[in-house]
C-alpha atoms as a PDB file:
ATOM      1  CA  UNK A   1       2.536   3.305   2.409  1.00  0.00           C
ATOM      2  CA  UNK A   2       1.993   6.540   4.292  1.00  0.00           C
ATOM      3  CA  UNK A   3       1.979   4.455   7.436  1.00  0.00           C
ATOM      4  CA  UNK A   4       5.579   3.340   6.902  1.00  0.00           C
ATOM      5  CA  UNK A   5       6.792   6.687   5.599  1.00  0.00           C
ATOM      6  CA  UNK A   6       5.791   8.749   8.595  1.00  0.00           C
ATOM      7  CA  UNK A   7       8.479   7.131  10.779  1.00  0.00           C
ATOM      8  CA  UNK A   8      12.192   6.560  10.537  1.00  0.00           C
ATOM      9  CA  UNK A   9      12.613   3.115   8.916  1.00  0.00           C
ATOM     10  CA  UNK A  10      14.656   1.692  11.785  1.00  0.00           C
ATOM     11  CA  UNK A  11      12.152   2.797  14.400  1.00  0.00           C
ATOM     12  CA  UNK A  12       9.265   1.526  12.342  1.00  0.00           C
ATOM     13  CA  UNK A  13      10.932  -1.866  12.089  1.00  0.00           C
ATOM     14  CA  UNK A  14      11.552  -2.012  15.841  1.00  0.00           C
ATOM     15  CA  UNK A  15       7.981  -1.014  16.633  1.00  0.00           C
ATOM     16  CA  UNK A  16       6.278  -3.385  14.170  1.00  0.00           C
ATOM     17  CA  UNK A  17       8.647  -6.334  13.939  1.00  0.00           C
ATOM     18  CA  UNK A  18       6.181  -8.733  15.606  1.00  0.00           C
ATOM     19  CA  UNK A  19       3.128  -7.727  13.606  1.00  0.00           C
ATOM     20  CA  UNK A  20       1.488 -10.441  11.594  1.00  0.00           C
ATOM     21  CA  UNK A  21       1.696  -9.787   7.890  1.00  0.00           C
ATOM     22  CA  UNK A  22      -0.634 -12.433   6.569  1.00  0.00           C
ATOM     23  CA  UNK A  23      -3.968 -10.597   6.683  1.00  0.00           C
ATOM     24  CA  UNK A  24      -3.355  -7.738   4.289  1.00  0.00           C
ATOM     25  CA  UNK A  25      -2.153  -7.168   0.750  1.00  0.00           C
ATOM     26  CA  UNK A  26       0.802  -4.959   0.001  1.00  0.00           C
ATOM     27  CA  UNK A  27      -0.990  -3.058  -2.725  1.00  0.00           C
ATOM     28  CA  UNK A  28       1.856  -0.623  -3.272  1.00  0.00           C
ATOM     29  CA  UNK A  29       3.791  -3.288  -5.137  1.00  0.00           C
ATOM     30  CA  UNK A  30       1.026  -5.507  -6.498  1.00  0.00           C
ATOM     31  CA  UNK A  31      -2.109  -3.531  -7.256  1.00  0.00           C
ATOM     32  CA  UNK A  32      -1.667  -3.288 -11.010  1.00  0.00           C
ATOM     33  CA  UNK A  33       0.112  -6.627 -11.376  1.00  0.00           C
ATOM     34  CA  UNK A  34      -2.824  -8.465  -9.829  1.00  0.00           C
ATOM     35  CA  UNK A  35      -5.636  -6.447 -11.387  1.00  0.00           C
ATOM     36  CA  UNK A  36      -4.496  -6.065 -15.009  1.00  0.00           C
ATOM     37  CA  UNK A  37      -3.972  -8.692 -17.627  1.00  0.00           C
ATOM     38  CA  UNK A  38      -0.393  -9.987 -18.051  1.00  0.00           C
ATOM     39  CA  UNK A  39      -0.641  -9.269 -21.761  1.00  0.00           C
ATOM     40  CA  UNK A  40      -0.220  -5.541 -21.023  1.00  0.00           C
ATOM     41  CA  UNK A  41       3.119  -6.145 -19.349  1.00  0.00           C
ATOM     42  CA  UNK A  42       4.680  -7.841 -22.382  1.00  0.00           C
ATOM     43  CA  UNK A  43       5.673  -4.597 -24.027  1.00  0.00           C
ATOM     44  CA  UNK A  44       8.708  -2.956 -22.364  1.00  0.00           C
ATOM     45  CA  UNK A  45       7.377   0.587 -22.574  1.00  0.00           C
ATOM     46  CA  UNK A  46       3.993  -0.374 -21.242  1.00  0.00           C
ATOM     47  CA  UNK A  47       5.605  -2.398 -18.482  1.00  0.00           C
ATOM     48  CA  UNK A  48       7.693   0.598 -17.447  1.00  0.00           C
ATOM     49  CA  UNK A  49       4.660   2.888 -17.577  1.00  0.00           C
ATOM     50  CA  UNK A  50       2.462   0.571 -15.528  1.00  0.00           C
ATOM     51  CA  UNK A  51       5.107  -0.055 -12.901  1.00  0.00           C
ATOM     52  CA  UNK A  52       5.620   3.686 -12.585  1.00  0.00           C
ATOM     53  CA  UNK A  53       1.854   4.081 -12.075  1.00  0.00           C
ATOM     54  CA  UNK A  54       1.826   1.729  -9.093  1.00  0.00           C
ATOM     55  CA  UNK A  55       2.791   4.404  -6.585  1.00  0.00           C
ATOM     56  CA  UNK A  56       0.094   6.959  -7.592  1.00  0.00           C
ATOM     57  CA  UNK A  57      -2.541   4.241  -7.553  1.00  0.00           C
ATOM     58  CA  UNK A  58      -1.433   3.132  -4.108  1.00  0.00           C
ATOM     59  CA  UNK A  59      -1.612   6.759  -2.937  1.00  0.00           C
ATOM     60  CA  UNK A  60      -5.251   6.796  -4.033  1.00  0.00           C
ATOM     61  CA  UNK A  61      -5.867   3.731  -1.898  1.00  0.00           C
ATOM     62  CA  UNK A  62      -4.063   5.300   1.035  1.00  0.00           C
ATOM     63  CA  UNK A  63      -6.233   8.383   0.781  1.00  0.00           C
ATOM     64  CA  UNK A  64      -9.259   6.146   1.007  1.00  0.00           C
ATOM     65  CA  UNK A  65      -7.784   4.602   4.168  1.00  0.00           C
ATOM     66  CA  UNK A  66      -7.497   8.055   5.706  1.00  0.00           C
ATOM     67  CA  UNK A  67     -11.204   8.600   5.093  1.00  0.00           C
ATOM     68  CA  UNK A  68     -12.039   5.137   6.407  1.00  0.00           C
ATOM     69  CA  UNK A  69     -10.033   5.683   9.618  1.00  0.00           C
ATOM     70  CA  UNK A  70     -11.283   9.214  10.176  1.00  0.00           C
ATOM     71  CA  UNK A  71     -13.789   8.291  12.880  1.00  0.00           C
ATOM     72  CA  UNK A  72     -11.734   5.521  14.420  1.00  0.00           C
ATOM     73  CA  UNK A  73      -9.583   7.271  16.994  1.00  0.00           C
ATOM     74  CA  UNK A  74      -7.975   4.035  18.244  1.00  0.00           C
ATOM     75  CA  UNK A  75      -5.761   3.581  15.193  1.00  0.00           C
ATOM     76  CA  UNK A  76      -3.489   5.831  13.229  1.00  0.00           C
ATOM     77  CA  UNK A  77      -5.198   7.580  10.325  1.00  0.00           C
ATOM     78  CA  UNK A  78      -2.770   5.963   7.869  1.00  0.00           C
ATOM     79  CA  UNK A  79      -3.270   2.437   9.191  1.00  0.00           C
ATOM     80  CA  UNK A  80      -4.188  -0.007   6.405  1.00  0.00           C
ATOM     81  CA  UNK A  81      -3.837  -3.485   7.899  1.00  0.00           C
ATOM     82  CA  UNK A  82      -7.313  -3.820   9.360  1.00  0.00           C
ATOM     83  CA  UNK A  83      -9.799  -6.367   8.154  1.00  0.00           C
ATOM     84  CA  UNK A  84     -12.898  -5.057   6.488  1.00  0.00           C
END
């Protein structure tokens, strides 16, 4: 998430258009959908609340990626597509 936001979207697309996207999970859009029970999403208010919580939860994960990439000087500190 931070990784895409630090560049202009057009330049980011041109730079990363040939990257493989099969080895990582886009947790910004799917973290709560995949980890919580579907029963919670039946109610409209709860669905709205949980979908609005997706971004803060993904920011928590991105902050963990910054810590994980702190000592790895070969990649950007916001890079999240590595295997581990």
